[in-house]
Amino acid sequence: MRYYIVDAFTETPFKGNPAGVCLLDSNLDDKIMQNIASENNLSETAFLLKENDEYLIRWFTPEVEIDLCGHATLATSFVLMNYVDPSMESVSFNSKSGNLSVKRKKDLYFLNFPARKPKPCEIPNVIKDALKVDIIEAYKSRDLMVVVENEDTVRNLKPDFSMLKDVGGAFGIIVTAKGESVDFVSRFFAPGAGIPEDPVTGSSHCTLIPFWSERLGKSEMEALQLSKRGGRLYCKNLNDRVEIGGRAVCYLKGEILI
């Protein structure tokens, strides 16, 4: 199968979040897809299959299949619009999270995803111990989101990943704060899914965008994810949906032989 690695939410190689993109000619057994994702050892590998003029997309971490992934969807759209059909300006995907669409505007790709507005919750003691910083508030959607004092606190986090694995009832941990040069910043950890830290996470912004839109009183925002690789996201609150924009660059084109 044709295989690509695309750095998403960046225009510079070796930055942003690398995603594997596998273009399938026919259905593939789930175990084989999981083995490919484990072999790739990227935070996400997307598998794309075209059936009856529809694109079906699935995402696998090195350990599990997940229900939604932003950077691998951006990477897949980049591959489709640059290497499969350069005339494409938009694409829709069927996924475990329903219909997802992506539009291209020059070198930016805008993902239309479901919003996942978080609800306030108690701050788990294990989070306090794992992050070793003061936590102001905690919220829950698919992920557990905690708000900390400022951007430097997010940037300088050195969490205990073994303790983060003990956080129950959440796929991942979002740590966020109001930004200095942008509207808000974040980092994302999912050690229980084989991702100690995800460099740039589109799906976490399904939660971050409605939260910060309400907190800041604005619908359009710019965000940074402060991992070592880093990434920039252009965000818009659409009430029950969110728009997440970013750039991408291809690192590798090749074939997987199985």
Protein backbone atom coordinates (compact mmCIF):
# COMPACT_ATOMS: atom_id res chain seq x y z
CA MET A 1 0.00 0.00 0.00
CA ARG A 2 1.06 3.60 -0.54
CA TYR A 3 2.35 5.15 2.68
CA TYR A 4 3.17 8.72 3.67
CA ILE A 5 4.46 10.46 6.78
CA VAL A 6 3.21 14.03 7.07
CA ASP A 7 4.16 16.58 9.72
CA ALA A 8 0.86 18.24 10.65
CA PHE A 9 0.16 21.66 12.17
CA THR A 10 3.46 23.01 10.90
CA GLU A 11 5.07 24.14 7.66
CA THR A 12 8.54 23.02 8.76
CA PRO A 13 9.82 19.43 8.63
CA PHE A 14 10.59 17.87 12.03
CA LYS A 15 8.06 20.15 13.73
CA GLY A 16 4.35 19.68 14.42
CA ASN A 17 3.00 16.16 14.76
CA PRO A 18 4.04 13.35 12.39
CA ALA A 19 1.25 11.06 11.22
CA GLY A 20 1.35 7.97 9.07
CA VAL A 21 -1.16 7.79 6.20
CA CYS A 22 -1.94 4.44 4.59
CA LEU A 23 -3.98 4.40 1.38
CA LEU A 24 -5.90 1.12 1.15
CA ASP A 25 -7.18 -0.52 -2.01
CA SER A 26 -9.47 -2.87 -0.05
CA ASN A 27 -10.54 -3.65 3.50
CA LEU A 28 -7.74 -4.72 5.81
CA ASP A 29 -8.02 -6.83 8.94
CA ASP A 30 -8.06 -4.79 12.16
CA LYS A 31 -5.15 -6.78 13.59
CA ILE A 32 -2.99 -5.99 10.57
CA MET A 33 -3.81 -2.28 10.85
CA GLN A 34 -2.90 -2.34 14.53
CA ASN A 35 0.36 -4.15 13.72
CA ILE A 36 1.21 -1.55 11.07
CA ALA A 37 0.53 1.28 13.52
CA SER A 38 2.71 -0.43 16.13
CA GLU A 39 5.48 -0.93 13.58
CA ASN A 40 5.27 2.73 12.49
CA ASN A 41 5.44 3.77 16.16
CA LEU A 42 3.97 7.21 15.46
CA SER A 43 1.32 8.65 17.75
CA GLU A 44 -1.25 7.97 15.01
CA THR A 45 -1.48 6.09 11.75
CA ALA A 46 -4.52 6.83 9.58
CA PHE A 47 -6.00 4.23 7.22
CA LEU A 48 -8.04 5.55 4.30
CA LEU A 49 -10.35 3.47 2.10
CA LYS A 50 -12.51 4.79 -0.74
CA GLU A 51 -15.82 2.95 -1.11
CA ASN A 52 -18.64 4.04 -3.44
CA ASP A 53 -17.33 7.60 -3.72
CA GLU A 54 -16.98 7.84 0.08
CA TYR A 55 -13.79 7.99 2.11
CA LEU A 56 -13.67 5.89 5.27
CA ILE A 57 -11.00 6.87 7.78
CA ARG A 58 -9.72 5.08 10.89
CA TRP A 59 -6.92 5.96 13.30
CA PHE A 60 -4.63 3.74 15.35
CA THR A 61 -2.08 4.57 18.02
CA PRO A 62 0.75 2.05 18.55
CA GLU A 63 -1.56 0.27 21.02
CA VAL A 64 -5.26 1.02 20.32
CA GLU A 65 -7.75 2.31 17.76
CA ILE A 66 -9.22 5.70 18.71
CA ASP A 67 -12.44 7.48 17.83
CA LEU A 68 -11.05 10.82 16.60
CA CYS A 69 -7.70 12.24 15.53
CA GLY A 70 -7.09 15.72 14.20
CA HIS A 71 -3.49 15.74 13.04
CA ALA A 72 -3.79 12.43 11.17
CA THR A 73 -6.97 13.70 9.47
CA LEU A 74 -5.12 16.85 8.43
CA ALA A 75 -2.24 14.67 7.19
CA THR A 76 -4.64 12.44 5.20
CA SER A 77 -6.30 15.48 3.62
CA PHE A 78 -2.88 16.86 2.70
CA VAL A 79 -2.01 13.57 0.96
CA LEU A 80 -5.33 13.46 -0.92
CA MET A 81 -5.13 17.07 -2.08
CA ASN A 82 -1.46 17.04 -3.04
CA TYR A 83 -0.68 13.51 -4.26
CA VAL A 84 -3.97 11.74 -5.09
CA ASP A 85 -6.07 14.53 -6.65
CA PRO A 86 -4.46 18.01 -6.60
CA SER A 87 -7.71 19.53 -7.93
CA MET A 88 -9.50 18.73 -4.64
CA GLU A 89 -10.32 21.69 -2.43
CA SER A 90 -12.45 19.82 0.12
CA VAL A 91 -13.08 16.27 1.31
CA SER A 92 -15.48 14.48 3.65
CA PHE A 93 -14.70 11.41 5.73
CA ASN A 94 -16.92 8.85 7.43
CA SER A 95 -15.48 7.97 10.81
CA LYS A 96 -16.26 6.61 14.27
CA SER A 97 -17.06 10.23 15.21
CA GLY A 98 -19.47 10.74 12.33
CA ASN A 99 -18.91 12.90 9.27
CA LEU A 100 -15.77 15.02 9.22
CA SER A 101 -14.89 17.55 6.55
CA VAL A 102 -11.70 19.37 5.57
CA LYS A 103 -11.36 22.41 3.31
CA ARG A 104 -8.19 23.80 1.79
CA LYS A 105 -7.59 27.54 1.57
CA LYS A 106 -4.18 28.09 -0.06
CA ASP A 107 -1.72 26.33 2.27
CA LEU A 108 -4.10 26.06 5.23
CA TYR A 109 -6.37 23.07 5.90
CA PHE A 110 -9.48 23.59 8.04
CA LEU A 111 -10.96 20.61 9.86
CA ASN A 112 -14.65 20.65 10.82
CA PHE A 113 -15.00 18.43 13.90
CA PRO A 114 -17.63 17.82 16.59
CA ALA A 115 -17.29 20.03 19.67
CA ARG A 116 -16.71 18.28 22.99
CA LYS A 117 -17.53 20.92 25.57
CA PRO A 118 -16.10 19.87 28.94
CA LYS A 119 -17.96 19.79 32.22
CA PRO A 120 -16.44 20.83 35.58
CA CYS A 121 -15.21 17.97 37.75
CA GLU A 122 -13.18 17.33 40.88
CA ILE A 123 -9.41 17.50 40.58
CA PRO A 124 -8.11 13.93 40.95
CA ASN A 125 -5.37 13.63 43.54
CA VAL A 126 -3.28 11.52 41.17
CA ILE A 127 -3.21 14.43 38.71
CA LYS A 128 -1.86 16.79 41.35
CA ASP A 129 0.89 14.32 42.17
CA ALA A 130 1.67 13.48 38.53
CA LEU A 131 1.93 17.06 37.26
CA LYS A 132 3.57 18.58 40.36
CA VAL A 133 2.02 22.01 39.72
CA ASP A 134 -0.88 23.97 41.14
CA ILE A 135 -4.12 23.15 39.31
CA ILE A 136 -6.77 25.86 39.22
CA GLU A 137 -9.70 23.91 37.70
CA ALA A 138 -10.51 20.53 36.18
CA TYR A 139 -12.99 19.59 33.44
CA LYS A 140 -14.03 16.37 31.74
CA SER A 141 -15.03 15.37 28.21
CA ARG A 142 -13.39 12.41 26.43
CA ASP A 143 -10.21 13.70 28.07
CA LEU A 144 -9.50 15.20 31.46
CA MET A 145 -8.60 18.87 31.08
CA VAL A 146 -6.84 20.84 33.80
CA VAL A 147 -6.23 24.59 33.86
CA VAL A 148 -2.98 25.89 35.30
CA GLU A 149 -1.70 29.36 36.14
CA ASN A 150 0.13 30.50 33.01
CA GLU A 151 1.92 29.62 29.78
CA ASP A 152 5.28 29.02 31.46
CA THR A 153 3.69 26.44 33.76
CA VAL A 154 2.43 24.52 30.71
CA ARG A 155 5.76 24.84 28.88
CA ASN A 156 7.87 23.64 31.81
CA LEU A 157 5.75 20.65 32.86
CA LYS A 158 7.68 17.47 33.62
CA PRO A 159 4.92 14.98 34.44
CA ASP A 160 5.29 11.54 35.95
CA PHE A 161 3.98 9.40 33.08
CA SER A 162 3.63 6.27 35.19
CA MET A 163 1.27 8.16 37.48
CA LEU A 164 -0.69 9.63 34.56
CA LYS A 165 -1.47 6.07 33.47
CA ASP A 166 -3.43 5.69 36.70
CA VAL A 167 -5.90 8.44 35.79
CA GLY A 168 -9.17 6.62 35.17
CA GLY A 169 -12.09 7.48 32.96
CA ALA A 170 -10.20 9.59 30.42
CA PHE A 171 -8.38 8.84 27.19
CA GLY A 172 -5.83 11.61 27.71
CA ILE A 173 -4.82 14.54 29.86
CA ILE A 174 -5.00 18.12 28.56
CA VAL A 175 -3.06 20.80 30.44
CA THR A 176 -3.93 24.34 29.37
CA ALA A 177 -3.54 28.01 30.26
CA LYS A 178 -4.22 31.42 28.77
CA GLY A 179 -1.54 32.31 26.25
CA GLU A 180 0.80 35.26 26.05
CA SER A 181 1.35 35.73 22.29
CA VAL A 182 -1.71 33.59 21.38
CA ASP A 183 -5.13 33.07 22.95
CA PHE A 184 -4.37 29.80 24.73
CA VAL A 185 -1.72 27.11 25.00
CA SER A 186 -1.81 23.42 25.87
CA ARG A 187 -0.02 20.11 26.10
CA PHE A 188 -1.51 16.64 25.76
CA PHE A 189 -0.56 13.33 27.37
CA ALA A 190 -2.02 9.85 26.74
CA PRO A 191 0.42 7.29 28.20
CA GLY A 192 -2.36 4.73 28.58
CA ALA A 193 -2.68 4.63 24.77
CA GLY A 194 1.05 4.39 24.15
CA ILE A 195 1.48 8.16 23.67
CA PRO A 196 3.46 9.68 26.58
CA GLU A 197 3.12 13.13 24.97
CA ASP A 198 1.40 13.94 21.70
CA PRO A 199 3.22 16.79 19.92
CA VAL A 200 0.11 18.53 18.49
CA THR A 201 -3.40 17.22 19.10
CA GLY A 202 -6.36 18.23 16.96
CA SER A 203 -8.94 16.22 18.90
CA SER A 204 -8.06 17.88 22.23
CA HIS A 205 -9.01 21.20 20.64
CA CYS A 206 -12.57 19.89 20.27
CA THR A 207 -12.61 20.47 24.03
CA LEU A 208 -10.24 23.43 24.27
CA ILE A 209 -12.01 25.58 21.68
CA PRO A 210 -15.48 25.71 23.31
CA PHE A 211 -13.89 26.18 26.73
CA TRP A 212 -11.62 29.08 25.77
CA SER A 213 -14.21 30.63 23.47
CA GLU A 214 -16.56 31.00 26.43
CA ARG A 215 -13.76 32.02 28.82
CA LEU A 216 -12.30 34.65 26.47
CA GLY A 217 -15.57 35.79 24.89
CA LYS A 218 -14.44 35.27 21.31
CA SER A 219 -15.19 32.74 18.59
CA GLU A 220 -11.93 32.91 16.60
CA MET A 221 -8.67 32.14 18.35
CA GLU A 222 -5.06 31.16 17.77
CA ALA A 223 -3.42 28.45 19.85
CA LEU A 224 -0.03 26.86 20.42
CA GLN A 225 0.70 23.36 21.64
CA LEU A 226 3.90 23.64 23.63
CA SER A 227 5.49 20.25 23.09
CA LYS A 228 9.14 19.97 22.09
CA ARG A 229 8.15 19.88 18.39
CA GLY A 230 5.39 22.46 18.84
CA GLY A 231 2.47 23.39 16.61
CA ARG A 232 0.15 26.27 15.75
CA LEU A 233 -3.62 25.92 15.34
CA TYR A 234 -6.21 28.38 14.04
CA CYS A 235 -9.43 27.81 15.95
CA LYS A 236 -13.08 28.75 15.53
CA ASN A 237 -16.04 27.94 17.73
CA LEU A 238 -19.12 26.87 15.73
CA ASN A 239 -21.25 25.92 18.77
CA ASP A 240 -21.83 22.18 18.27
CA ARG A 241 -18.85 21.99 15.91
CA VAL A 242 -15.34 23.44 15.88
CA GLU A 243 -13.00 24.45 13.09
CA ILE A 244 -9.31 23.65 13.48
CA GLY A 245 -6.88 25.04 10.92
CA GLY A 246 -3.26 24.21 10.28
CA ARG A 247 -0.52 23.64 7.74
CA ALA A 248 1.32 20.45 6.85
CA VAL A 249 4.45 19.21 5.09
CA CYS A 250 5.27 15.76 3.69
CA TYR A 251 8.34 14.05 5.14
CA LEU A 252 8.20 10.64 3.46
CA LYS A 253 6.56 8.82 0.55
CA GLY A 254 6.87 5.07 0.13
CA GLU A 255 5.24 1.64 0.20
CA ILE A 256 4.38 -0.80 2.96
CA LEU A 257 5.00 -4.42 1.96
CA ILE A 258 2.96 -7.02 3.83
